[in-house]
Amino acid sequence: MTATVSETTLNAPVDVRFTAAGTPLAVRYDGRVWAVAAEPLHWFTRDYWWETQRTVPVGVGNVVDIEHWRLQVRLGSSISALRTFELRRDPLSEQWLLESITDE
């Protein structure tokens, strides 16, 4: 028997609740609250802003660091199957995007 992994690419806006230390606790997506069920993975990538914008105003701040989180989540406090959410926040944005969902 072979297990298959199903992945959906979305780029959908989501609300993320964080601990005081800045670690995600839960994600609200599609009217449901998904609780973080395992230690999240956090990293940054670089945006090539010069390819999408001609100029950046002086003093605007960080325009290159794209923040990412990979979270294993389940619905509320249930014992539902784990899913993996990949979140992204672009430079100069406060909005988190759900980049993809993977069923494992």
N, C-alpha and C. Protein backbone atom coordinates (compact mmCIF):
# COMPACT_ATOMS: atom_id res chain seq x y z
N MET A 1 0.84 -1.17 0.00
CA MET A 1 0.00 0.00 0.00
C MET A 1 0.89 1.24 0.00
N THR A 2 0.62 2.20 -0.85
CA THR A 2 1.41 3.42 -0.96
C THR A 2 0.59 4.60 -0.45
N ALA A 3 1.20 5.37 0.44
CA ALA A 3 0.55 6.57 0.95
C ALA A 3 0.77 7.70 -0.04
N THR A 4 -0.24 8.51 -0.25
CA THR A 4 -0.09 9.67 -1.13
C THR A 4 -0.29 10.93 -0.32
N VAL A 5 0.36 11.97 -0.75
CA VAL A 5 0.25 13.26 -0.09
C VAL A 5 -0.50 14.19 -1.03
N SER A 6 -1.51 14.84 -0.50
CA SER A 6 -2.30 15.77 -1.29
C SER A 6 -1.94 17.19 -0.88
N GLU A 7 -1.63 18.05 -1.87
CA GLU A 7 -1.26 19.43 -1.57
C GLU A 7 -2.14 20.37 -2.37
N THR A 8 -2.59 21.43 -1.70
CA THR A 8 -3.39 22.46 -2.34
C THR A 8 -2.66 23.79 -2.20
N THR A 9 -2.46 24.51 -3.31
CA THR A 9 -1.83 25.82 -3.28
C THR A 9 -2.93 26.88 -3.27
N LEU A 10 -2.83 27.84 -2.34
CA LEU A 10 -3.93 28.76 -2.13
C LEU A 10 -3.58 30.25 -2.22
N ASN A 11 -2.60 30.68 -1.44
CA ASN A 11 -2.30 32.10 -1.25
C ASN A 11 -3.53 32.85 -0.73
N ALA A 12 -4.21 32.27 0.26
CA ALA A 12 -5.42 32.84 0.85
C ALA A 12 -5.08 33.60 2.13
N PRO A 13 -5.68 34.79 2.34
CA PRO A 13 -5.46 35.53 3.58
C PRO A 13 -6.00 34.74 4.78
N VAL A 14 -5.23 34.73 5.87
CA VAL A 14 -5.64 34.06 7.11
C VAL A 14 -5.30 34.94 8.30
N ASP A 15 -5.98 34.67 9.41
CA ASP A 15 -5.66 35.31 10.69
C ASP A 15 -4.85 34.33 11.50
N VAL A 16 -3.76 34.81 12.11
CA VAL A 16 -2.89 33.96 12.91
C VAL A 16 -2.82 34.53 14.31
N ARG A 17 -3.02 33.66 15.31
CA ARG A 17 -2.88 34.07 16.71
C ARG A 17 -1.53 33.57 17.20
N PHE A 18 -0.78 34.48 17.86
CA PHE A 18 0.57 34.17 18.31
C PHE A 18 0.66 34.20 19.83
N THR A 19 1.66 33.49 20.37
CA THR A 19 1.99 33.59 21.79
C THR A 19 2.69 34.92 22.01
N ALA A 20 2.92 35.28 23.27
CA ALA A 20 3.66 36.50 23.59
C ALA A 20 5.09 36.44 23.04
N ALA A 21 5.62 35.23 22.88
CA ALA A 21 6.98 35.05 22.36
C ALA A 21 7.01 35.08 20.84
N GLY A 22 5.84 35.15 20.18
CA GLY A 22 5.80 35.26 18.73
C GLY A 22 5.66 33.95 17.98
N THR A 23 5.28 32.88 18.68
CA THR A 23 5.07 31.57 18.04
C THR A 23 3.59 31.39 17.74
N PRO A 24 3.24 30.90 16.55
CA PRO A 24 1.83 30.71 16.22
C PRO A 24 1.13 29.70 17.14
N LEU A 25 -0.09 30.05 17.55
CA LEU A 25 -0.94 29.17 18.36
C LEU A 25 -2.07 28.55 17.54
N ALA A 26 -2.64 29.38 16.65
CA ALA A 26 -3.80 28.94 15.88
C ALA A 26 -3.93 29.78 14.61
N VAL A 27 -4.61 29.19 13.62
CA VAL A 27 -4.85 29.86 12.34
C VAL A 27 -6.34 29.80 12.05
N ARG A 28 -6.93 30.94 11.71
CA ARG A 28 -8.33 30.97 11.28
C ARG A 28 -8.33 31.00 9.76
N TYR A 29 -8.91 29.92 9.19
CA TYR A 29 -8.98 29.79 7.74
C TYR A 29 -10.33 29.20 7.36
N ASP A 30 -10.98 29.81 6.40
CA ASP A 30 -12.24 29.31 5.87
C ASP A 30 -13.29 29.12 6.97
N GLY A 31 -13.32 30.07 7.93
CA GLY A 31 -14.31 30.05 9.00
C GLY A 31 -14.05 29.05 10.11
N ARG A 32 -12.90 28.40 10.08
CA ARG A 32 -12.55 27.40 11.10
C ARG A 32 -11.25 27.80 11.78
N VAL A 33 -11.10 27.36 13.03
CA VAL A 33 -9.87 27.62 13.78
C VAL A 33 -9.07 26.32 13.84
N TRP A 34 -7.84 26.40 13.34
CA TRP A 34 -6.92 25.27 13.31
C TRP A 34 -5.86 25.50 14.38
N ALA A 35 -5.78 24.60 15.36
CA ALA A 35 -4.82 24.71 16.45
C ALA A 35 -3.47 24.12 16.04
N VAL A 36 -2.40 24.81 16.40
CA VAL A 36 -1.05 24.30 16.14
C VAL A 36 -0.83 23.10 17.07
N ALA A 37 -0.43 21.96 16.49
CA ALA A 37 -0.34 20.71 17.24
C ALA A 37 1.08 20.17 17.38
N ALA A 38 2.06 20.87 16.84
CA ALA A 38 3.46 20.42 16.92
C ALA A 38 4.35 21.65 16.84
N GLU A 39 5.61 21.47 17.15
CA GLU A 39 6.58 22.58 17.11
C GLU A 39 6.66 23.14 15.69
N PRO A 40 6.40 24.44 15.52
CA PRO A 40 6.44 25.03 14.17
C PRO A 40 7.86 25.26 13.68
N LEU A 41 7.98 25.35 12.37
CA LEU A 41 9.26 25.64 11.72
C LEU A 41 9.17 27.06 11.15
N HIS A 42 10.19 27.87 11.41
CA HIS A 42 10.20 29.29 11.05
C HIS A 42 11.45 29.60 10.24
N TRP A 43 11.28 30.34 9.13
CA TRP A 43 12.44 30.75 8.33
C TRP A 43 12.10 31.99 7.51
N PHE A 44 13.12 32.55 6.89
CA PHE A 44 12.98 33.73 6.04
C PHE A 44 13.59 33.44 4.67
N THR A 45 12.99 34.02 3.64
CA THR A 45 13.59 34.01 2.30
C THR A 45 13.71 35.46 1.86
N ARG A 46 14.35 35.67 0.74
CA ARG A 46 14.57 37.03 0.23
C ARG A 46 13.68 37.32 -0.97
N ASP A 47 13.14 38.53 -1.01
CA ASP A 47 12.35 39.00 -2.14
C ASP A 47 13.27 39.83 -3.04
N TYR A 48 13.12 39.65 -4.32
CA TYR A 48 13.89 40.44 -5.29
C TYR A 48 13.05 41.66 -5.66
N TRP A 49 12.96 42.62 -4.73
CA TRP A 49 12.07 43.76 -4.89
C TRP A 49 12.37 44.56 -6.14
N TRP A 50 13.62 44.57 -6.57
CA TRP A 50 14.01 45.35 -7.74
C TRP A 50 13.40 44.78 -9.03
N GLU A 51 12.91 43.53 -8.98
CA GLU A 51 12.25 42.95 -10.14
C GLU A 51 10.76 43.31 -10.20
N THR A 52 10.18 43.70 -9.07
CA THR A 52 8.74 44.01 -9.04
C THR A 52 8.45 45.48 -8.81
N GLN A 53 9.43 46.24 -8.30
CA GLN A 53 9.24 47.66 -8.03
C GLN A 53 10.43 48.43 -8.58
N ARG A 54 10.16 49.63 -9.08
CA ARG A 54 11.25 50.44 -9.62
C ARG A 54 12.06 51.10 -8.50
N THR A 55 11.37 51.58 -7.48
CA THR A 55 12.05 52.24 -6.37
C THR A 55 11.37 51.88 -5.06
N VAL A 56 12.08 52.11 -3.99
CA VAL A 56 11.53 51.95 -2.65
C VAL A 56 11.82 53.25 -1.91
N PRO A 57 10.80 53.84 -1.28
CA PRO A 57 11.02 55.10 -0.56
C PRO A 57 12.06 54.95 0.55
N VAL A 58 12.85 55.98 0.74
CA VAL A 58 13.87 56.00 1.78
C VAL A 58 13.19 55.87 3.14
N GLY A 59 13.77 55.04 4.01
CA GLY A 59 13.26 54.90 5.37
C GLY A 59 12.04 54.00 5.51
N VAL A 60 11.68 53.31 4.44
CA VAL A 60 10.47 52.47 4.47
C VAL A 60 10.64 51.23 5.33
N GLY A 61 11.84 50.75 5.53
CA GLY A 61 12.07 49.57 6.35
C GLY A 61 12.54 48.39 5.51
N ASN A 62 12.34 47.22 6.06
CA ASN A 62 12.80 45.98 5.44
C ASN A 62 11.90 45.63 4.26
N VAL A 63 12.47 45.59 3.06
CA VAL A 63 11.69 45.27 1.86
C VAL A 63 12.11 43.95 1.22
N VAL A 64 12.97 43.20 1.90
CA VAL A 64 13.48 41.98 1.28
C VAL A 64 13.13 40.69 2.02
N ASP A 65 12.88 40.73 3.32
CA ASP A 65 12.67 39.51 4.08
C ASP A 65 11.22 39.04 4.04
N ILE A 66 11.00 37.86 3.46
CA ILE A 66 9.69 37.22 3.44
C ILE A 66 9.70 36.20 4.57
N GLU A 67 8.74 36.33 5.50
CA GLU A 67 8.68 35.45 6.67
C GLU A 67 7.79 34.24 6.36
N HIS A 68 8.24 33.05 6.79
CA HIS A 68 7.51 31.81 6.56
C HIS A 68 7.35 31.03 7.86
N TRP A 69 6.22 30.33 7.98
CA TRP A 69 6.00 29.35 9.05
C TRP A 69 5.45 28.08 8.43
N ARG A 70 5.93 26.93 8.85
CA ARG A 70 5.32 25.64 8.51
C ARG A 70 4.74 25.08 9.80
N LEU A 71 3.42 24.87 9.78
CA LEU A 71 2.70 24.46 10.99
C LEU A 71 1.96 23.16 10.76
N GLN A 72 2.03 22.28 11.74
CA GLN A 72 1.16 21.11 11.74
C GLN A 72 -0.03 21.48 12.61
N VAL A 73 -1.22 21.38 12.03
CA VAL A 73 -2.43 21.86 12.70
C VAL A 73 -3.51 20.79 12.65
N ARG A 74 -4.50 20.97 13.56
CA ARG A 74 -5.72 20.16 13.51
C ARG A 74 -6.87 21.04 13.92
N LEU A 75 -8.06 20.66 13.55
CA LEU A 75 -9.25 21.46 13.85
C LEU A 75 -9.47 21.58 15.34
N GLY A 76 -9.50 22.82 15.83
CA GLY A 76 -9.79 23.10 17.24
C GLY A 76 -9.03 22.20 18.19
N SER A 77 -9.73 21.68 19.17
CA SER A 77 -9.09 20.79 20.14
C SER A 77 -9.41 19.34 19.84
N SER A 78 -9.83 19.07 18.62
CA SER A 78 -10.23 17.72 18.22
C SER A 78 -9.03 16.80 18.06
N ILE A 79 -9.32 15.57 17.73
CA ILE A 79 -8.26 14.62 17.42
C ILE A 79 -8.25 14.34 15.91
N SER A 80 -8.65 15.35 15.14
CA SER A 80 -8.68 15.21 13.69
C SER A 80 -7.26 15.00 13.15
N ALA A 81 -7.18 14.53 11.94
CA ALA A 81 -5.88 14.28 11.30
C ALA A 81 -5.08 15.56 11.19
N LEU A 82 -3.77 15.41 11.30
CA LEU A 82 -2.89 16.57 11.14
C LEU A 82 -2.82 17.00 9.68
N ARG A 83 -2.75 18.30 9.50
CA ARG A 83 -2.52 18.88 8.17
C ARG A 83 -1.34 19.84 8.33
N THR A 84 -0.64 20.09 7.26
CA THR A 84 0.49 21.02 7.29
C THR A 84 0.11 22.28 6.53
N PHE A 85 0.18 23.41 7.24
CA PHE A 85 -0.07 24.72 6.64
C PHE A 85 1.27 25.40 6.45
N GLU A 86 1.48 25.99 5.27
CA GLU A 86 2.64 26.85 5.06
C GLU A 86 2.13 28.27 4.91
N LEU A 87 2.62 29.14 5.80
CA LEU A 87 2.21 30.54 5.83
C LEU A 87 3.33 31.43 5.34
N ARG A 88 2.95 32.58 4.78
CA ARG A 88 3.94 33.55 4.29
C ARG A 88 3.44 34.95 4.60
N ARG A 89 4.38 35.81 4.98
CA ARG A 89 4.07 37.24 5.14
C ARG A 89 5.13 38.01 4.37
N ASP A 90 4.66 38.75 3.37
CA ASP A 90 5.57 39.52 2.52
C ASP A 90 6.08 40.76 3.25
N PRO A 91 7.23 41.28 2.81
CA PRO A 91 7.76 42.50 3.41
C PRO A 91 6.73 43.63 3.34
N LEU A 92 6.68 44.42 4.36
CA LEU A 92 5.81 45.60 4.45
C LEU A 92 4.33 45.24 4.54
N SER A 93 4.01 43.98 4.77
CA SER A 93 2.61 43.56 4.89
C SER A 93 2.36 43.04 6.30
N GLU A 94 1.17 43.29 6.80
CA GLU A 94 0.75 42.73 8.08
C GLU A 94 -0.08 41.47 7.87
N GLN A 95 -0.49 41.21 6.62
CA GLN A 95 -1.39 40.10 6.31
C GLN A 95 -0.62 38.80 6.08
N TRP A 96 -1.03 37.76 6.79
CA TRP A 96 -0.47 36.42 6.56
C TRP A 96 -1.26 35.76 5.45
N LEU A 97 -0.55 35.00 4.60
CA LEU A 97 -1.18 34.24 3.51
C LEU A 97 -0.93 32.76 3.74
N LEU A 98 -1.98 31.97 3.56
CA LEU A 98 -1.85 30.52 3.61
C LEU A 98 -1.42 30.11 2.22
N GLU A 99 -0.15 29.76 2.11
CA GLU A 99 0.44 29.43 0.81
C GLU A 99 0.00 28.05 0.33
N SER A 100 -0.01 27.08 1.24
CA SER A 100 -0.41 25.73 0.84
C SER A 100 -0.86 24.91 2.04
N ILE A 101 -1.64 23.86 1.74
CA ILE A 101 -2.08 22.89 2.73
C ILE A 101 -1.66 21.52 2.21
N THR A 102 -1.06 20.74 3.08
CA THR A 102 -0.68 19.38 2.73
C THR A 102 -1.34 18.42 3.71
N ASP A 103 -1.98 17.40 3.18
CA ASP A 103 -2.56 16.34 4.02
C ASP A 103 -1.51 15.25 4.16
N GLU A 104 -1.22 14.88 5.40
CA GLU A 104 -0.23 13.84 5.63
C GLU A 104 -0.79 12.74 6.46
